[in-house]
Protein backbone atom coordinates (compact mmCIF):
# COMPACT_ATOMS: atom_id res chain seq x y z
CA UNK A 1 -0.02 -0.02 0.00
CA UNK A 2 1.39 3.46 -0.87
CA UNK A 3 1.91 5.85 1.90
CA UNK A 4 -0.12 8.93 1.78
CA UNK A 5 1.85 11.80 3.34
CA UNK A 6 0.10 14.67 5.05
CA UNK A 7 0.58 17.99 3.22
CA UNK A 8 2.87 20.35 4.86
CA UNK A 9 1.66 23.76 5.72
CA UNK A 10 2.72 27.04 7.13
CA UNK A 11 1.81 27.80 10.82
CA UNK A 12 1.11 31.46 10.90
CA UNK A 13 -1.98 33.41 11.99
CA UNK A 14 -3.96 35.17 9.18
CA UNK A 15 -4.76 38.89 9.37
CA UNK A 16 -8.41 38.06 9.89
CA UNK A 17 -7.55 35.72 12.73
CA UNK A 18 -5.65 38.46 14.40
CA UNK A 19 -8.21 41.13 13.93
CA UNK A 20 -10.97 38.93 15.26
CA UNK A 21 -9.13 37.87 18.39
CA UNK A 22 -8.89 34.22 17.45
CA UNK A 23 -5.03 34.69 17.67
CA UNK A 24 -5.03 34.68 21.38
CA UNK A 25 -4.46 32.60 24.50
CA UNK A 26 -7.33 30.45 25.65
CA UNK A 27 -7.57 32.01 29.05
CA UNK A 28 -8.42 35.38 27.45
CA UNK A 29 -11.20 33.70 25.38
CA UNK A 30 -12.56 31.98 28.45
CA UNK A 31 -12.52 35.22 30.36
CA UNK A 32 -14.50 36.82 27.60
CA UNK A 33 -17.17 34.02 27.76
CA UNK A 34 -17.23 34.17 31.53
CA UNK A 35 -17.77 37.90 31.67
CA UNK A 36 -20.68 37.50 29.25
CA UNK A 37 -22.42 34.78 31.27
CA UNK A 38 -22.10 36.83 34.46
CA UNK A 39 -23.55 39.86 32.83
CA UNK A 40 -20.27 41.87 33.27
CA UNK A 41 -19.71 42.54 29.54
CA UNK A 42 -20.40 46.22 29.89
CA UNK A 43 -17.71 46.73 32.76
CA UNK A 44 -15.08 49.22 31.34
CA UNK A 45 -11.57 49.18 32.25
CA UNK A 46 -8.41 51.40 31.64
CA UNK A 47 -5.58 49.23 30.61
CA UNK A 48 -2.05 50.65 30.75
CA UNK A 49 1.01 49.36 28.85
CA UNK A 50 4.26 49.77 30.79
CA UNK A 51 7.65 48.40 31.64
CA UNK A 52 8.16 47.51 35.31
CA UNK A 53 11.37 45.60 35.01
CA UNK A 54 14.80 47.02 33.93
CA UNK A 55 15.22 47.55 30.07
CA UNK A 56 17.74 45.22 28.59
CA UNK A 57 21.26 46.57 28.06
CA UNK A 58 20.85 49.78 30.15
CA UNK A 59 18.13 52.08 31.49
CA UNK A 60 16.10 53.05 28.41
CA UNK A 61 14.26 51.37 25.67
CA UNK A 62 12.47 52.50 22.41
CA UNK A 63 8.74 52.42 22.18
CA UNK A 64 7.59 50.88 18.80
CA UNK A 65 4.60 48.97 17.39
CA UNK A 66 1.96 51.57 18.03
CA UNK A 67 0.78 51.74 14.41
CA UNK A 68 0.22 47.82 14.38
CA UNK A 69 -1.60 48.07 17.67
CA UNK A 70 -3.92 50.73 16.36
CA UNK A 71 -4.45 48.56 13.24
CA UNK A 72 -5.77 45.76 15.43
CA UNK A 73 -7.95 47.98 17.56
CA UNK A 74 -9.42 50.04 14.57
CA UNK A 75 -13.29 49.79 14.13
CA UNK A 76 -13.81 48.30 17.59
CA UNK A 77 -15.07 49.99 20.83
CA UNK A 78 -11.74 51.24 21.97
CA UNK A 79 -10.28 54.64 23.03
CA UNK A 80 -6.58 54.73 22.86
CA UNK A 81 -3.98 57.20 24.35
CA UNK A 82 -0.41 56.77 23.69
CA UNK A 83 3.22 58.34 23.71
CA UNK A 84 4.35 58.92 20.26
CA UNK A 85 5.88 56.00 18.45
CA UNK A 86 9.69 56.12 18.70
CA UNK A 87 9.69 57.66 22.34
CA UNK A 88 12.72 56.63 24.32
CA UNK A 89 11.43 55.58 27.84
CA UNK A 90 12.52 54.21 31.23
CA UNK A 91 10.88 51.75 33.54
CA UNK A 92 7.38 52.57 35.01
CA UNK A 93 6.65 55.22 32.21
CA UNK A 94 3.14 54.57 30.89
CA UNK A 95 3.29 54.07 27.11
CA UNK A 96 -0.33 53.39 26.21
CA UNK A 97 -3.80 53.67 27.85
CA UNK A 98 -6.70 51.84 26.44
CA UNK A 99 -10.36 52.36 27.51
CA UNK A 100 -12.89 49.65 26.59
CA UNK A 101 -15.22 47.06 28.03
CA UNK A 102 -12.71 44.33 29.14
CA UNK A 103 -15.05 41.66 27.56
CA UNK A 104 -14.32 43.14 24.21
CA UNK A 105 -10.66 43.67 24.62
CA UNK A 106 -9.61 40.26 26.27
CA UNK A 107 -9.07 38.30 23.07
CA UNK A 108 -6.96 41.10 21.67
CA UNK A 109 -4.64 41.60 24.64
CA UNK A 110 -2.13 39.01 23.53
CA UNK A 111 -1.86 40.44 20.04
CA UNK A 112 -1.54 44.07 21.07
CA UNK A 113 1.12 43.30 23.76
CA UNK A 114 2.88 40.97 21.27
CA UNK A 115 3.45 43.57 18.48
CA UNK A 116 4.42 46.25 21.03
CA UNK A 117 7.01 43.95 22.65
CA UNK A 118 8.31 42.43 19.41
CA UNK A 119 8.86 45.85 17.73
CA UNK A 120 10.13 47.69 20.86
CA UNK A 121 12.62 44.89 21.54
CA UNK A 122 14.11 45.08 17.95
CA UNK A 123 14.00 48.88 17.80
CA UNK A 124 15.70 49.16 21.07
CA UNK A 125 18.54 46.83 20.13
CA UNK A 126 18.86 48.54 16.66
CA UNK A 127 19.18 51.89 18.45
CA UNK A 128 22.00 50.46 20.63
CA UNK A 129 23.72 49.20 17.45
CA UNK A 130 23.22 52.56 15.79
CA UNK A 131 25.09 54.26 18.75
CA UNK A 132 27.90 51.69 18.56
CA UNK A 133 28.19 52.19 14.77
CA UNK A 134 28.27 55.96 14.89
CA UNK A 135 28.24 57.53 11.46
CA UNK A 136 29.15 54.17 9.81
CA UNK A 137 26.53 52.34 7.69
CA UNK A 138 24.22 49.95 9.70
CA UNK A 139 22.58 47.50 7.41
CA UNK A 140 19.95 45.14 8.84
CA UNK A 141 20.17 41.48 7.57
CA UNK A 142 18.35 39.71 10.25
CA UNK A 143 15.44 37.98 8.53
CA UNK A 144 16.92 34.49 8.48
CA UNK A 145 16.57 34.38 12.24
CA UNK A 146 12.81 34.96 12.29
CA UNK A 147 9.48 33.37 11.07
CA UNK A 148 8.80 34.78 7.58
CA UNK A 149 5.36 36.10 8.75
CA UNK A 150 7.04 38.94 10.74
CA UNK A 151 9.73 39.96 8.27
CA UNK A 152 8.13 43.35 7.36
CA UNK A 153 7.53 44.09 11.09
CA UNK A 154 11.10 43.25 12.00
CA UNK A 155 12.53 45.49 9.11
CA UNK A 156 10.15 48.27 10.24
CA UNK A 157 11.35 48.20 13.81
CA UNK A 158 15.04 47.96 12.92
CA UNK A 159 14.58 50.91 10.64
CA UNK A 160 12.85 52.86 13.42
CA UNK A 161 15.68 52.11 15.69
CA UNK A 162 18.31 53.53 13.37
CA UNK A 163 19.29 51.02 10.71
CA UNK A 164 20.19 52.78 7.42
CA UNK A 165 18.70 50.09 5.28
CA UNK A 166 17.00 46.61 5.51
CA UNK A 167 17.21 43.59 3.27
CA UNK A 168 13.49 42.31 3.05
CA UNK A 169 12.00 42.27 -0.36
CA UNK A 170 8.48 42.79 1.14
CA UNK A 171 9.57 45.93 2.97
CA UNK A 172 9.29 47.87 -0.36
CA UNK A 173 5.77 46.76 -0.59
CA UNK A 174 4.76 47.34 3.02
CA UNK A 175 7.19 50.06 4.14
CA UNK A 176 8.31 51.82 1.17
CA UNK A 177 11.88 50.90 1.85
CA UNK A 178 13.99 49.90 -1.04
CA UNK A 179 15.85 46.65 0.07
CA UNK A 180 19.56 46.52 0.02
CA UNK A 181 22.00 43.53 -0.20
CA UNK A 182 24.20 41.90 -2.84
CA UNK A 183 25.29 38.44 -2.67
CA UNK A 184 25.55 35.39 -0.34
CA UNK A 185 28.37 32.93 -0.33
CA UNK A 186 25.87 30.40 -1.96
CA UNK A 187 25.91 32.52 -5.07
CA UNK A 188 29.60 32.49 -5.38
CA UNK A 189 29.87 28.74 -4.75
CA UNK A 190 27.22 28.02 -7.25
CA UNK A 191 28.94 30.00 -9.96
CA UNK A 192 32.14 28.22 -8.98
CA UNK A 193 34.51 31.13 -9.49
CA UNK A 194 34.51 34.32 -7.35
CA UNK A 195 35.75 36.56 -10.25
CA UNK A 196 32.92 35.37 -12.55
CA UNK A 197 30.36 35.80 -9.73
CA UNK A 198 31.41 39.35 -8.98
CA UNK A 199 31.51 40.32 -12.67
CA UNK A 200 28.02 38.76 -13.23
CA UNK A 201 26.53 40.80 -10.43
CA UNK A 202 28.23 44.12 -11.67
CA UNK A 203 27.01 43.36 -15.18
CA UNK A 204 23.45 42.74 -14.14
CA UNK A 205 22.93 45.09 -11.17
CA UNK A 206 25.49 47.80 -11.65
CA UNK A 207 23.74 51.08 -11.75
CA UNK A 208 20.74 49.48 -9.74
CA UNK A 209 22.66 48.77 -6.57
CA UNK A 210 26.06 49.46 -5.12
CA UNK A 211 28.35 46.76 -6.09
CA UNK A 212 29.70 45.02 -2.91
CA UNK A 213 31.83 41.92 -3.55
CA UNK A 214 31.81 39.27 -0.89
CA UNK A 215 35.50 38.41 -0.55
CA UNK A 216 36.06 35.54 1.83
CA UNK A 217 34.66 32.48 0.10
CA UNK A 218 37.56 30.51 -1.20
CA UNK A 219 40.72 32.40 -0.34
CA UNK A 220 42.30 34.68 2.12
CA UNK A 221 40.26 38.05 2.69
CA UNK A 222 43.14 40.20 1.49
CA UNK A 223 43.72 38.27 -1.59
CA UNK A 224 40.03 38.19 -2.60
CA UNK A 225 39.50 41.86 -1.94
CA UNK A 226 42.44 42.80 -4.07
CA UNK A 227 41.26 40.27 -6.67
CA UNK A 228 37.73 41.90 -6.73
CA UNK A 229 39.26 45.37 -6.99
CA UNK A 230 41.42 44.36 -9.93
CA UNK A 231 38.57 42.65 -11.66
CA UNK A 232 35.88 45.29 -11.30
CA UNK A 233 38.03 48.52 -10.97
CA UNK A 234 35.81 51.57 -10.91
CA UNK A 235 32.48 49.51 -10.85
CA UNK A 236 33.35 48.23 -7.29
CA UNK A 237 31.77 50.20 -4.49
CA UNK A 238 32.80 48.06 -1.73
CA UNK A 239 33.81 44.66 -0.37
CA UNK A 240 32.17 42.67 2.30
CA UNK A 241 33.97 40.48 4.84
CA UNK A 242 31.78 37.79 6.48
CA UNK A 243 34.32 35.30 7.70
CA UNK A 244 32.77 32.73 10.11
CA UNK A 245 33.93 33.21 13.60
CA UNK A 246 35.65 29.63 13.61
CA UNK A 247 38.09 30.99 10.85
CA UNK A 248 38.07 34.75 11.76
CA UNK A 249 41.08 35.40 14.03
CA UNK A 250 41.28 39.09 14.95
CA UNK A 251 38.79 40.83 12.76
CA UNK A 252 40.25 44.29 13.26
CA UNK A 253 43.55 43.02 12.14
CA UNK A 254 42.01 41.49 9.05
CA UNK A 255 40.04 44.64 8.21
CA UNK A 256 43.24 46.76 8.60
CA UNK A 257 45.30 44.32 6.49
CA UNK A 258 42.60 44.48 3.63
CA UNK A 259 42.30 48.29 3.78
CA UNK A 260 46.08 48.60 3.73
CA UNK A 261 46.44 46.24 0.71
CA UNK A 262 43.72 48.00 -1.32
CA UNK A 263 45.17 51.37 -0.68
CA UNK A 264 48.69 50.15 -1.57
CA UNK A 265 47.31 49.19 -4.91
CA UNK A 266 45.36 52.33 -5.52
CA UNK A 267 41.98 51.11 -4.40
CA UNK A 268 41.55 53.20 -1.25
CA UNK A 269 38.09 54.41 -2.46
CA UNK A 270 36.65 50.80 -1.92
CA UNK A 271 34.44 50.64 1.10
CA UNK A 272 34.73 47.72 3.60
CA UNK A 273 31.51 46.35 5.09
CA UNK A 274 31.90 43.70 7.80
CA UNK A 275 29.18 41.22 8.78
CA UNK A 276 28.67 37.92 10.50
CA UNK A 277 27.67 37.57 14.17
CA UNK A 278 28.26 41.21 14.95
CA UNK A 279 27.05 42.79 18.24
CA UNK A 280 27.66 46.19 19.83
CA UNK A 281 31.15 45.39 21.29
CA UNK A 282 32.56 44.05 18.09
CA UNK A 283 31.14 47.06 16.06
CA UNK A 284 32.67 49.54 18.64
CA UNK A 285 36.07 47.94 18.13
CA UNK A 286 35.69 48.04 14.29
CA UNK A 287 34.06 51.19 13.64
CA UNK A 288 37.32 53.25 13.12
CA UNK A 289 38.59 50.78 10.40
CA UNK A 290 35.42 49.57 8.66
CA UNK A 291 32.89 51.68 6.73
CA UNK A 292 29.82 49.81 7.55
CA UNK A 293 28.27 46.79 9.29
CA UNK A 294 25.77 44.17 8.28
CA UNK A 295 23.95 43.06 11.55
CA UNK A 296 21.46 40.22 11.74
CA UNK A 297 20.64 37.95 14.62
CA UNK A 298 21.74 40.24 17.56
CA UNK A 299 19.04 42.81 16.31
CA UNK A 300 16.53 40.38 14.97
CA UNK A 301 16.42 38.21 18.21
CA UNK A 302 17.36 40.58 21.07
CA UNK A 303 16.52 40.27 24.70
CA UNK A 304 12.93 41.28 25.24
CA UNK A 305 11.61 44.67 26.35
CA UNK A 306 9.47 43.09 28.71
CA UNK A 307 6.29 45.22 28.41
CA UNK A 308 3.14 44.28 30.34
CA UNK A 309 -0.50 45.45 30.26
CA UNK A 310 -2.49 45.86 33.41
CA UNK A 311 -5.86 47.26 34.51
CA UNK A 312 -5.31 50.45 36.48
CA UNK A 313 -9.09 51.68 36.60
CA UNK A 314 -12.37 50.07 36.43
CA UNK A 315 -15.89 51.60 35.71
CA UNK A 316 -18.78 49.37 36.78
CA UNK A 317 -21.18 52.10 36.05
CA UNK A 318 -20.44 54.50 38.80
CA UNK A 319 -17.43 56.18 37.38
CA UNK A 320 -13.74 55.35 37.30
CA UNK A 321 -12.20 53.65 40.20
CA UNK A 322 -8.33 53.32 40.60
CA UNK A 323 -7.41 49.69 40.99
CA UNK A 324 -4.42 47.54 40.15
CA UNK A 325 -2.96 44.20 41.06
CA UNK A 326 -0.16 43.95 43.67
CA UNK A 327 3.07 45.59 42.58
CA UNK A 328 1.49 47.92 39.96
CA UNK A 329 0.49 51.56 40.52
CA UNK A 330 -3.23 52.02 40.30
CA UNK A 331 -5.00 54.93 38.47
CA UNK A 332 -4.71 56.31 34.99
CA UNK A 333 -1.68 58.61 34.46
CA UNK A 334 -0.75 61.49 32.13
CA UNK A 335 2.86 61.73 30.83
CA UNK A 336 4.59 65.08 30.16
CA UNK A 337 8.08 65.62 28.75
CA UNK A 338 10.78 67.98 29.84
CA UNK A 339 13.09 66.39 27.27
CA UNK A 340 14.30 62.90 26.25
CA UNK A 341 13.94 60.49 29.11
CA UNK A 342 12.96 63.39 31.37
CA UNK A 343 9.29 62.41 31.81
CA UNK A 344 6.78 63.77 34.45
CA UNK A 345 4.07 61.11 35.28
CA UNK A 346 0.97 62.52 37.21
CA UNK A 347 -2.43 61.14 38.00
CA UNK A 348 -4.94 61.59 35.11
CA UNK A 349 -6.80 64.85 35.45
CA UNK A 350 -4.20 66.57 37.60
CA UNK A 351 -2.96 70.09 36.78
CA UNK A 352 -0.07 70.37 34.56
CA UNK A 353 3.32 70.10 36.30
CA UNK A 354 6.29 72.30 35.85
CA UNK A 355 9.79 71.00 34.62
CA UNK A 356 12.59 71.22 37.22
CA UNK A 357 13.84 74.41 35.49
CA UNK A 358 10.46 76.03 35.48
CA UNK A 359 9.61 75.40 31.86
CA UNK A 360 6.22 74.05 30.73
CA UNK A 361 6.57 70.61 29.86
CA UNK A 362 5.05 69.06 26.59
CA UNK A 363 2.08 66.75 26.98
CA UNK A 364 3.38 63.41 25.69
CA UNK A 365 0.40 61.13 26.12
CA UNK A 366 -2.36 62.04 23.59
CA UNK A 367 -5.39 60.48 22.23
CA UNK A 368 -4.99 58.43 19.06
CA UNK A 369 -8.30 56.65 18.80
CA UNK A 370 -11.84 57.27 19.95
CA UNK A 371 -14.32 54.46 19.88
CA UNK A 372 -12.36 52.71 17.20
CA UNK A 373 -11.83 55.73 14.97
CA UNK A 374 -8.41 57.39 14.44
CA UNK A 375 -8.34 60.97 15.67
CA UNK A 376 -4.55 61.76 15.01
CA UNK A 377 -2.53 61.52 11.93
CA UNK A 378 0.20 58.83 12.23
CA UNK A 379 3.80 60.00 11.41
CA UNK A 380 5.65 58.31 8.51
CA UNK A 381 8.42 55.58 9.01
CA UNK A 382 11.11 58.17 8.26
CA UNK A 383 9.57 60.74 10.81
CA UNK A 384 9.53 58.14 13.56
CA UNK A 385 13.17 57.11 12.76
CA UNK A 386 14.26 60.73 12.83
CA UNK A 387 12.52 61.23 16.10
CA UNK A 388 14.48 58.41 17.65
CA UNK A 389 17.78 59.64 16.23
CA UNK A 390 17.09 63.14 17.57
CA UNK A 391 16.53 61.95 21.04
CA UNK A 392 19.71 59.94 20.98
CA UNK A 393 21.54 62.96 19.81
CA UNK A 394 20.05 65.25 22.47
CA UNK A 395 21.11 62.70 25.01
CA UNK A 396 24.63 62.81 23.52
CA UNK A 397 24.49 59.04 22.93
CA UNK A 398 24.77 59.47 19.07
CA UNK A 399 27.51 61.88 17.64
């Protein structure tokens, strides 16, 4: 008897499943059903998104994912207040406040928190890599570390955090970002000769993309870099060194050796891009000798910015009552800004505070959605990225 194999499939939630609340944890769905049975489906809550633990890698993080959260809540009975997407924040700063019957919100809580944590984690790590890279190019190549369903969201978050470019094809469709990237080792190995591979790329894509030759496939990095420069001459924009860590040795020495050799033969205009398992410390060590960095896994799969969402007020028909579980601060809160990471948090409805120097603070928490309808224009991707970088510069973290 022939064996009938089960067809393979992709395990990913559809947009309809996310928007309907089907993409959720079972206890949220059961909570919804129990509230309906108990006649508590009209009880309204104010849910606050915040970070009560320490941010990874320091004392600040980047708030990202607001647009996706609003897309999930749009057209449903939710009113949303939020800090601007891209705001740098510290622990205990409220990021978002959602007003809704909890019965309606319960199935969406996992998805809302998921997009905020996912994008904030990547954007935060990207911002730290941006600081490490300084004025050098920072290219995000991390998609291979992730499930393909989230490729555009990962590229979006990395770009918000400060990446100069991303590699995902779908990011042009969804984000308007032209993907960057030249060749993998697999291309050169398949062609069988690095010179032929580099020339083929330059012949086909020269003029459409910077010609960057990968120069560590078969031979010593110095030899292949010079080989590429002599083969392509003025068509060569740069070379990329992606030597596996098992063969790398001292990467700074390798880059300096390649740079010296290229200059010695009149190719000092050729840029040097380094990739392959890079993180902040390696980038800091290399930024004075390399022209750019391709960074993947450390940004795509960073430590989590452990955002949580908690009820801080309840309205059972007699007005809002401050309430919260143990360890959390009850009551809705308003957030003002006296500058990056200088935030004033006061009870909702309080009079406007003053900055320490007497200045009037800027109200940072603003209404974005009322009863499921957007009431504020959303910034473009470039505007959010510029906002992040401007805060880093004001804090003198980015020169």
